[in-house]
């Protein structure tokens, strides 16, 4: 049978990962792009105010990174609980 961790902890582990990814997504999109934009606009990145950059460009880069991080971490969790594909 399974030689990984206790399978009953699989879904709590997956849900914790999803909650973490969604928290980062919310912080970047809503926090940096909207709420903290006026404060971040005092910093310049590539000639543009940082708040504007996050709202227009930075959040997309973070979202793409989150997709790859989620896929990588999910693969690790699947291997850890021995439910991965061969």
PDB file of N, CA and C in Angstrom:
ATOM      1  N   UNK A   1       0.846  -1.183   0.000  1.00  0.00           N
ATOM      2  CA  UNK A   1       0.000   0.000   0.000  1.00  0.00           C
ATOM      3  C   UNK A   1       0.889   1.242   0.000  1.00  0.00           C
ATOM      4  N   UNK A   2       0.421   2.307   0.557  1.00  0.00           N
ATOM      5  CA  UNK A   2       1.131   3.587   0.531  1.00  0.00           C
ATOM      6  C   UNK A   2       2.274   3.609   1.534  1.00  0.00           C
ATOM      7  N   UNK A   3       3.414   4.108   1.091  1.00  0.00           N
ATOM      8  CA  UNK A   3       4.552   4.248   1.997  1.00  0.00           C
ATOM      9  C   UNK A   3       4.794   5.704   2.350  1.00  0.00           C
ATOM     10  N   UNK A   4       3.930   6.615   1.884  1.00  0.00           N
ATOM     11  CA  UNK A   4       4.062   8.037   2.176  1.00  0.00           C
ATOM     12  C   UNK A   4       3.492   8.354   3.541  1.00  0.00           C
ATOM     13  N   UNK A   5       3.212   9.626   3.747  1.00  0.00           N
ATOM     14  CA  UNK A   5       2.635  10.072   5.010  1.00  0.00           C
ATOM     15  C   UNK A   5       1.199   9.598   5.143  1.00  0.00           C
ATOM     16  N   UNK A   6       0.613   9.850   6.317  1.00  0.00           N
ATOM     17  CA  UNK A   6      -0.779   9.510   6.578  1.00  0.00           C
ATOM     18  C   UNK A   6      -1.681  10.228   5.577  1.00  0.00           C
ATOM     19  N   UNK A   7      -2.430   9.481   4.779  1.00  0.00           N
ATOM     20  CA  UNK A   7      -3.235  10.042   3.691  1.00  0.00           C
ATOM     21  C   UNK A   7      -4.331  10.973   4.212  1.00  0.00           C
ATOM     22  N   UNK A   8      -4.719  10.829   5.471  1.00  0.00           N
ATOM     23  CA  UNK A   8      -5.760  11.710   6.013  1.00  0.00           C
ATOM     24  C   UNK A   8      -5.285  13.163   6.107  1.00  0.00           C
ATOM     25  N   UNK A   9      -3.988  13.388   6.015  1.00  0.00           N
ATOM     26  CA  UNK A   9      -3.446  14.747   6.057  1.00  0.00           C
ATOM     27  C   UNK A   9      -3.243  15.341   4.668  1.00  0.00           C
ATOM     28  N   UNK A  10      -3.586  14.587   3.625  1.00  0.00           N
ATOM     29  CA  UNK A  10      -3.382  15.063   2.257  1.00  0.00           C
ATOM     30  C   UNK A  10      -4.198  16.316   1.967  1.00  0.00           C
ATOM     31  N   UNK A  11      -5.512  16.248   2.168  1.00  0.00           N
ATOM     32  CA  UNK A  11      -6.347  17.394   1.823  1.00  0.00           C
ATOM     33  C   UNK A  11      -6.086  18.613   2.701  1.00  0.00           C
ATOM     34  N   UNK A  12      -5.856  18.470   4.004  1.00  0.00           N
ATOM     35  CA  UNK A  12      -5.482  19.672   4.769  1.00  0.00           C
ATOM     36  C   UNK A  12      -4.194  20.324   4.261  1.00  0.00           C
ATOM     37  N   UNK A  13      -3.249  19.501   3.804  1.00  0.00           N
ATOM     38  CA  UNK A  13      -2.004  20.032   3.251  1.00  0.00           C
ATOM     39  C   UNK A  13      -2.269  20.762   1.938  1.00  0.00           C
ATOM     40  N   UNK A  14      -3.098  20.160   1.084  1.00  0.00           N
ATOM     41  CA  UNK A  14      -3.446  20.795  -0.194  1.00  0.00           C
ATOM     42  C   UNK A  14      -4.200  22.099   0.047  1.00  0.00           C
ATOM     43  N   UNK A  15      -5.148  22.084   0.960  1.00  0.00           N
ATOM     44  CA  UNK A  15      -5.923  23.298   1.250  1.00  0.00           C
ATOM     45  C   UNK A  15      -5.057  24.403   1.848  1.00  0.00           C
ATOM     46  N   UNK A  16      -4.053  24.029   2.620  1.00  0.00           N
ATOM     47  CA  UNK A  16      -3.115  25.016   3.167  1.00  0.00           C
ATOM     48  C   UNK A  16      -2.316  25.673   2.048  1.00  0.00           C
ATOM     49  N   UNK A  17      -1.891  24.879   1.068  1.00  0.00           N
ATOM     50  CA  UNK A  17      -1.175  25.417  -0.090  1.00  0.00           C
ATOM     51  C   UNK A  17      -2.076  26.358  -0.879  1.00  0.00           C
ATOM     52  N   UNK A  18      -3.313  25.947  -1.124  1.00  0.00           N
ATOM     53  CA  UNK A  18      -4.252  26.792  -1.862  1.00  0.00           C
ATOM     54  C   UNK A  18      -4.500  28.093  -1.117  1.00  0.00           C
ATOM     55  N   UNK A  19      -4.681  28.031   0.201  1.00  0.00           N
ATOM     56  CA  UNK A  19      -4.902  29.243   0.994  1.00  0.00           C
ATOM     57  C   UNK A  19      -3.693  30.175   0.922  1.00  0.00           C
ATOM     58  N   UNK A  20      -2.500  29.615   0.928  1.00  0.00           N
ATOM     59  CA  UNK A  20      -1.283  30.428   0.833  1.00  0.00           C
ATOM     60  C   UNK A  20      -1.191  31.114  -0.524  1.00  0.00           C
ATOM     61  N   UNK A  21      -1.440  30.356  -1.597  1.00  0.00           N
ATOM     62  CA  UNK A  21      -1.378  30.929  -2.945  1.00  0.00           C
ATOM     63  C   UNK A  21      -2.436  32.026  -3.104  1.00  0.00           C
ATOM     64  N   UNK A  22      -3.648  31.772  -2.623  1.00  0.00           N
ATOM     65  CA  UNK A  22      -4.707  32.781  -2.734  1.00  0.00           C
ATOM     66  C   UNK A  22      -4.413  34.014  -1.881  1.00  0.00           C
ATOM     67  N   UNK A  23      -3.759  33.825  -0.743  1.00  0.00           N
ATOM     68  CA  UNK A  23      -3.387  34.972   0.098  1.00  0.00           C
ATOM     69  C   UNK A  23      -2.363  35.856  -0.601  1.00  0.00           C
ATOM     70  N   UNK A  24      -1.377  35.237  -1.224  1.00  0.00           N
ATOM     71  CA  UNK A  24      -0.380  36.013  -1.976  1.00  0.00           C
ATOM     72  C   UNK A  24      -1.063  36.729  -3.136  1.00  0.00           C
ATOM     73  N   UNK A  25      -1.944  36.030  -3.838  1.00  0.00           N
ATOM     74  CA  UNK A  25      -2.684  36.621  -4.956  1.00  0.00           C
ATOM     75  C   UNK A  25      -3.474  37.847  -4.489  1.00  0.00           C
ATOM     76  N   UNK A  26      -4.188  37.724  -3.366  1.00  0.00           N
ATOM     77  CA  UNK A  26      -4.988  38.833  -2.848  1.00  0.00           C
ATOM     78  C   UNK A  26      -4.104  39.992  -2.399  1.00  0.00           C
ATOM     79  N   UNK A  27      -3.002  39.685  -1.732  1.00  0.00           N
ATOM     80  CA  UNK A  27      -2.093  40.733  -1.275  1.00  0.00           C
ATOM     81  C   UNK A  27      -1.535  41.520  -2.443  1.00  0.00           C
ATOM     82  N   UNK A  28      -1.108  40.817  -3.478  1.00  0.00           N
ATOM     83  CA  UNK A  28      -0.500  41.491  -4.627  1.00  0.00           C
ATOM     84  C   UNK A  28      -1.538  42.266  -5.423  1.00  0.00           C
ATOM     85  N   UNK A  29      -2.667  41.632  -5.726  1.00  0.00           N
ATOM     86  CA  UNK A  29      -3.646  42.299  -6.595  1.00  0.00           C
ATOM     87  C   UNK A  29      -4.408  43.390  -5.867  1.00  0.00           C
ATOM     88  N   UNK A  30      -4.959  43.077  -4.715  1.00  0.00           N
ATOM     89  CA  UNK A  30      -5.773  44.051  -3.998  1.00  0.00           C
ATOM     90  C   UNK A  30      -4.920  44.950  -3.115  1.00  0.00           C
ATOM     91  N   UNK A  31      -3.980  44.341  -2.402  1.00  0.00           N
ATOM     92  CA  UNK A  31      -3.155  45.118  -1.479  1.00  0.00           C
ATOM     93  C   UNK A  31      -2.196  46.066  -2.180  1.00  0.00           C
ATOM     94  N   UNK A  32      -1.294  45.500  -2.982  1.00  0.00           N
ATOM     95  CA  UNK A  32      -0.288  46.333  -3.652  1.00  0.00           C
ATOM     96  C   UNK A  32      -0.870  47.137  -4.802  1.00  0.00           C
ATOM     97  N   UNK A  33      -1.814  46.556  -5.529  1.00  0.00           N
ATOM     98  CA  UNK A  33      -2.355  47.220  -6.708  1.00  0.00           C
ATOM     99  C   UNK A  33      -3.378  48.294  -6.409  1.00  0.00           C
ATOM    100  N   UNK A  34      -4.074  48.201  -5.246  1.00  0.00           N
ATOM    101  CA  UNK A  34      -5.142  49.157  -4.941  1.00  0.00           C
ATOM    102  C   UNK A  34      -4.893  49.869  -3.614  1.00  0.00           C
ATOM    103  N   UNK A  35      -4.870  49.110  -2.516  1.00  0.00           N
ATOM    104  CA  UNK A  35      -4.802  49.732  -1.192  1.00  0.00           C
ATOM    105  C   UNK A  35      -3.483  50.446  -0.919  1.00  0.00           C
ATOM    106  N   UNK A  36      -2.382  49.809  -1.249  1.00  0.00           N
ATOM    107  CA  UNK A  36      -1.066  50.378  -0.947  1.00  0.00           C
ATOM    108  C   UNK A  36      -0.467  51.155  -2.119  1.00  0.00           C
ATOM    109  N   UNK A  37      -1.210  51.280  -3.211  1.00  0.00           N
ATOM    110  CA  UNK A  37      -0.679  51.959  -4.395  1.00  0.00           C
ATOM    111  C   UNK A  37      -0.227  53.393  -4.114  1.00  0.00           C
ATOM    112  N   UNK A  38      -1.000  54.207  -3.381  1.00  0.00           N
ATOM    113  CA  UNK A  38      -0.517  55.573  -3.124  1.00  0.00           C
ATOM    114  C   UNK A  38       0.820  55.607  -2.375  1.00  0.00           C
ATOM    115  N   UNK A  39       0.979  54.724  -1.403  1.00  0.00           N
ATOM    116  CA  UNK A  39       2.244  54.681  -0.658  1.00  0.00           C
ATOM    117  C   UNK A  39       3.382  54.155  -1.533  1.00  0.00           C
ATOM    118  N   UNK A  40       3.081  53.156  -2.360  1.00  0.00           N
ATOM    119  CA  UNK A  40       4.108  52.580  -3.228  1.00  0.00           C
ATOM    120  C   UNK A  40       4.492  53.508  -4.370  1.00  0.00           C
ATOM    121  N   UNK A  41       3.641  54.471  -4.700  1.00  0.00           N
ATOM    122  CA  UNK A  41       3.938  55.383  -5.801  1.00  0.00           C
ATOM    123  C   UNK A  41       5.107  56.312  -5.496  1.00  0.00           C
ATOM    124  N   UNK A  42       5.547  56.363  -4.238  1.00  0.00           N
ATOM    125  CA  UNK A  42       6.723  57.150  -3.876  1.00  0.00           C
ATOM    126  C   UNK A  42       8.014  56.476  -4.336  1.00  0.00           C
ATOM    127  N   UNK A  43       7.912  55.195  -4.681  1.00  0.00           N
ATOM    128  CA  UNK A  43       9.068  54.424  -5.156  1.00  0.00           C
ATOM    129  C   UNK A  43       8.923  54.266  -6.658  1.00  0.00           C
ATOM    130  N   UNK A  44      10.022  54.392  -7.365  1.00  0.00           N
ATOM    131  CA  UNK A  44       9.985  54.290  -8.813  1.00  0.00           C
ATOM    132  C   UNK A  44      10.667  53.008  -9.276  1.00  0.00           C
ATOM    133  N   UNK A  45      10.074  52.357 -10.282  1.00  0.00           N
ATOM    134  CA  UNK A  45      10.638  51.144 -10.862  1.00  0.00           C
ATOM    135  C   UNK A  45      10.585  51.296 -12.375  1.00  0.00           C
ATOM    136  N   UNK A  46      11.745  51.424 -12.987  1.00  0.00           N
ATOM    137  CA  UNK A  46      11.806  51.591 -14.429  1.00  0.00           C
ATOM    138  C   UNK A  46      11.180  52.897 -14.905  1.00  0.00           C
ATOM    139  N   UNK A  47      11.196  53.913 -14.074  1.00  0.00           N
ATOM    140  CA  UNK A  47      10.628  55.201 -14.437  1.00  0.00           C
ATOM    141  C   UNK A  47       9.146  55.323 -14.137  1.00  0.00           C
ATOM    142  N   UNK A  48       8.527  54.266 -13.625  1.00  0.00           N
ATOM    143  CA  UNK A  48       7.104  54.296 -13.307  1.00  0.00           C
ATOM    144  C   UNK A  48       6.913  54.167 -11.800  1.00  0.00           C
ATOM    145  N   UNK A  49       5.874  54.781 -11.258  1.00  0.00           N
ATOM    146  CA  UNK A  49       5.578  54.605  -9.830  1.00  0.00           C
ATOM    147  C   UNK A  49       5.297  53.123  -9.529  1.00  0.00           C
ATOM    148  N   UNK A  50       5.803  52.631  -8.408  1.00  0.00           N
ATOM    149  CA  UNK A  50       5.702  51.210  -8.075  1.00  0.00           C
ATOM    150  C   UNK A  50       4.258  50.759  -7.929  1.00  0.00           C
ATOM    151  N   UNK A  51       3.387  51.585  -7.362  1.00  0.00           N
ATOM    152  CA  UNK A  51       1.975  51.222  -7.235  1.00  0.00           C
ATOM    153  C   UNK A  51       1.334  51.017  -8.596  1.00  0.00           C
ATOM    154  N   UNK A  52       1.623  51.888  -9.524  1.00  0.00           N
ATOM    155  CA  UNK A  52       1.110  51.756 -10.896  1.00  0.00           C
ATOM    156  C   UNK A  52       1.680  50.503 -11.543  1.00  0.00           C
ATOM    157  N   UNK A  53       2.969  50.256 -11.340  1.00  0.00           N
ATOM    158  CA  UNK A  53       3.611  49.085 -11.925  1.00  0.00           C
ATOM    159  C   UNK A  53       2.963  47.805 -11.429  1.00  0.00           C
ATOM    160  N   UNK A  54       2.711  47.712 -10.105  1.00  0.00           N
ATOM    161  CA  UNK A  54       2.057  46.521  -9.562  1.00  0.00           C
ATOM    162  C   UNK A  54       0.660  46.353 -10.138  1.00  0.00           C
ATOM    163  N   UNK A  55      -0.077  47.442 -10.258  1.00  0.00           N
ATOM    164  CA  UNK A  55      -1.442  47.352 -10.764  1.00  0.00           C
ATOM    165  C   UNK A  55      -1.463  46.927 -12.229  1.00  0.00           C
ATOM    166  N   UNK A  56      -0.481  47.333 -13.012  1.00  0.00           N
ATOM    167  CA  UNK A  56      -0.500  47.069 -14.447  1.00  0.00           C
ATOM    168  C   UNK A  56       0.361  45.890 -14.877  1.00  0.00           C
ATOM    169  N   UNK A  57       1.530  45.719 -14.294  1.00  0.00           N
ATOM    170  CA  UNK A  57       2.476  44.708 -14.760  1.00  0.00           C
ATOM    171  C   UNK A  57       2.860  43.698 -13.679  1.00  0.00           C
ATOM    172  N   UNK A  58       3.222  44.190 -12.532  1.00  0.00           N
ATOM    173  CA  UNK A  58       3.795  43.338 -11.490  1.00  0.00           C
ATOM    174  C   UNK A  58       2.876  42.229 -11.038  1.00  0.00           C
ATOM    175  N   UNK A  59       1.583  42.528 -10.934  1.00  0.00           N
ATOM    176  CA  UNK A  59       0.660  41.495 -10.484  1.00  0.00           C
ATOM    177  C   UNK A  59       0.596  40.345 -11.484  1.00  0.00           C
ATOM    178  N   UNK A  60       0.685  40.642 -12.763  1.00  0.00           N
ATOM    179  CA  UNK A  60       0.670  39.560 -13.764  1.00  0.00           C
ATOM    180  C   UNK A  60       1.903  38.670 -13.632  1.00  0.00           C
ATOM    181  N   UNK A  61       3.069  39.266 -13.387  1.00  0.00           N
ATOM    182  CA  UNK A  61       4.284  38.476 -13.199  1.00  0.00           C
ATOM    183  C   UNK A  61       4.164  37.581 -11.967  1.00  0.00           C
ATOM    184  N   UNK A  62       3.604  38.140 -10.904  1.00  0.00           N
ATOM    185  CA  UNK A  62       3.412  37.359  -9.681  1.00  0.00           C
ATOM    186  C   UNK A  62       2.417  36.234  -9.927  1.00  0.00           C
ATOM    187  N   UNK A  63       1.332  36.501 -10.646  1.00  0.00           N
ATOM    188  CA  UNK A  63       0.338  35.468 -10.929  1.00  0.00           C
ATOM    189  C   UNK A  63       0.946  34.317 -11.716  1.00  0.00           C
ATOM    190  N   UNK A  64       1.745  34.624 -12.718  1.00  0.00           N
ATOM    191  CA  UNK A  64       2.404  33.577 -13.509  1.00  0.00           C
ATOM    192  C   UNK A  64       3.359  32.777 -12.632  1.00  0.00           C
ATOM    193  N   UNK A  65       4.109  33.466 -11.782  1.00  0.00           N
ATOM    194  CA  UNK A  65       5.009  32.773 -10.859  1.00  0.00           C
ATOM    195  C   UNK A  65       4.218  31.870  -9.911  1.00  0.00           C
ATOM    196  N   UNK A  66       3.050  32.334  -9.448  1.00  0.00           N
ATOM    197  CA  UNK A  66       2.226  31.524  -8.553  1.00  0.00           C
ATOM    198  C   UNK A  66       1.746  30.243  -9.228  1.00  0.00           C
ATOM    199  N   UNK A  67       1.459  30.302 -10.508  1.00  0.00           N
ATOM    200  CA  UNK A  67       1.035  29.100 -11.234  1.00  0.00           C
ATOM    201  C   UNK A  67       2.142  28.053 -11.204  1.00  0.00           C
ATOM    202  N   UNK A  68       3.362  28.469 -11.500  1.00  0.00           N
ATOM    203  CA  UNK A  68       4.481  27.527 -11.510  1.00  0.00           C
ATOM    204  C   UNK A  68       4.823  27.038 -10.102  1.00  0.00           C
ATOM    205  N   UNK A  69       4.765  27.927  -9.125  1.00  0.00           N
ATOM    206  CA  UNK A  69       5.043  27.533  -7.740  1.00  0.00           C
ATOM    207  C   UNK A  69       3.999  26.542  -7.253  1.00  0.00           C
ATOM    208  N   UNK A  70       2.717  26.808  -7.566  1.00  0.00           N
ATOM    209  CA  UNK A  70       1.657  25.891  -7.163  1.00  0.00           C
ATOM    210  C   UNK A  70       1.859  24.510  -7.791  1.00  0.00           C
ATOM    211  N   UNK A  71       2.149  24.459  -9.075  1.00  0.00           N
ATOM    212  CA  UNK A  71       2.340  23.175  -9.755  1.00  0.00           C
ATOM    213  C   UNK A  71       3.521  22.417  -9.162  1.00  0.00           C
ATOM    214  N   UNK A  72       4.608  23.127  -8.886  1.00  0.00           N
ATOM    215  CA  UNK A  72       5.800  22.494  -8.312  1.00  0.00           C
ATOM    216  C   UNK A  72       5.512  21.961  -6.906  1.00  0.00           C
ATOM    217  N   UNK A  73       4.884  22.809  -6.066  1.00  0.00           N
ATOM    218  CA  UNK A  73       4.583  22.400  -4.689  1.00  0.00           C
ATOM    219  C   UNK A  73       3.556  21.266  -4.664  1.00  0.00           C
ATOM    220  N   UNK A  74       2.579  21.304  -5.560  1.00  0.00           N
ATOM    221  CA  UNK A  74       1.570  20.251  -5.610  1.00  0.00           C
ATOM    222  C   UNK A  74       2.206  18.923  -5.999  1.00  0.00           C
ATOM    223  N   UNK A  75       3.174  18.974  -6.907  1.00  0.00           N
ATOM    224  CA  UNK A  75       3.910  17.758  -7.254  1.00  0.00           C
ATOM    225  C   UNK A  75       4.663  17.197  -6.063  1.00  0.00           C
ATOM    226  N   UNK A  76       5.271  18.075  -5.276  1.00  0.00           N
ATOM    227  CA  UNK A  76       5.993  17.642  -4.074  1.00  0.00           C
ATOM    228  C   UNK A  76       5.038  17.024  -3.058  1.00  0.00           C
ATOM    229  N   UNK A  77       3.862  17.646  -2.875  1.00  0.00           N
ATOM    230  CA  UNK A  77       2.875  17.108  -1.928  1.00  0.00           C
ATOM    231  C   UNK A  77       2.393  15.738  -2.395  1.00  0.00           C
ATOM    232  N   UNK A  78       2.115  15.605  -3.689  1.00  0.00           N
ATOM    233  CA  UNK A  78       1.672  14.313  -4.224  1.00  0.00           C
ATOM    234  C   UNK A  78       2.728  13.231  -3.999  1.00  0.00           C
ATOM    235  N   UNK A  79       3.989  13.565  -4.203  1.00  0.00           N
ATOM    236  CA  UNK A  79       5.062  12.594  -3.956  1.00  0.00           C
ATOM    237  C   UNK A  79       5.166  12.266  -2.473  1.00  0.00           C
ATOM    238  N   UNK A  80       5.025  13.276  -1.639  1.00  0.00           N
ATOM    239  CA  UNK A  80       5.128  13.088  -0.190  1.00  0.00           C
ATOM    240  C   UNK A  80       4.063  12.123   0.317  1.00  0.00           C
ATOM    241  N   UNK A  81       2.853  12.202  -0.242  1.00  0.00           N
ATOM    242  CA  UNK A  81       1.764  11.338   0.186  1.00  0.00           C
ATOM    243  C   UNK A  81       1.596  10.111  -0.719  1.00  0.00           C
ATOM    244  N   UNK A  82       2.525   9.921  -1.631  1.00  0.00           N
ATOM    245  CA  UNK A  82       2.557   8.774  -2.523  1.00  0.00           C
ATOM    246  C   UNK A  82       1.258   8.637  -3.335  1.00  0.00           C
ATOM    247  N   UNK A  83       0.786   9.768  -3.884  1.00  0.00           N
ATOM    248  CA  UNK A  83      -0.390   9.759  -4.763  1.00  0.00           C
ATOM    249  C   UNK A  83      -0.024  10.351  -6.125  1.00  0.00           C
ATOM    250  N   UNK A  84       1.259  10.441  -6.414  1.00  0.00           N
ATOM    251  CA  UNK A  84       1.731  11.034  -7.671  1.00  0.00           C
ATOM    252  C   UNK A  84       1.577  10.046  -8.817  1.00  0.00           C
ATOM    253  N   UNK A  85       1.611  10.615 -10.024  1.00  0.00           N
ATOM    254  CA  UNK A  85       1.538   9.795 -11.218  1.00  0.00           C
ATOM    255  C   UNK A  85       2.927   9.304 -11.559  1.00  0.00           C
ATOM    256  N   UNK A  86       2.988   8.144 -12.107  1.00  0.00           N
ATOM    257  CA  UNK A  86       4.282   7.567 -12.461  1.00  0.00           C
ATOM    258  C   UNK A  86       4.673   7.954 -13.857  1.00  0.00           C
TER     259      UNK A  86
END
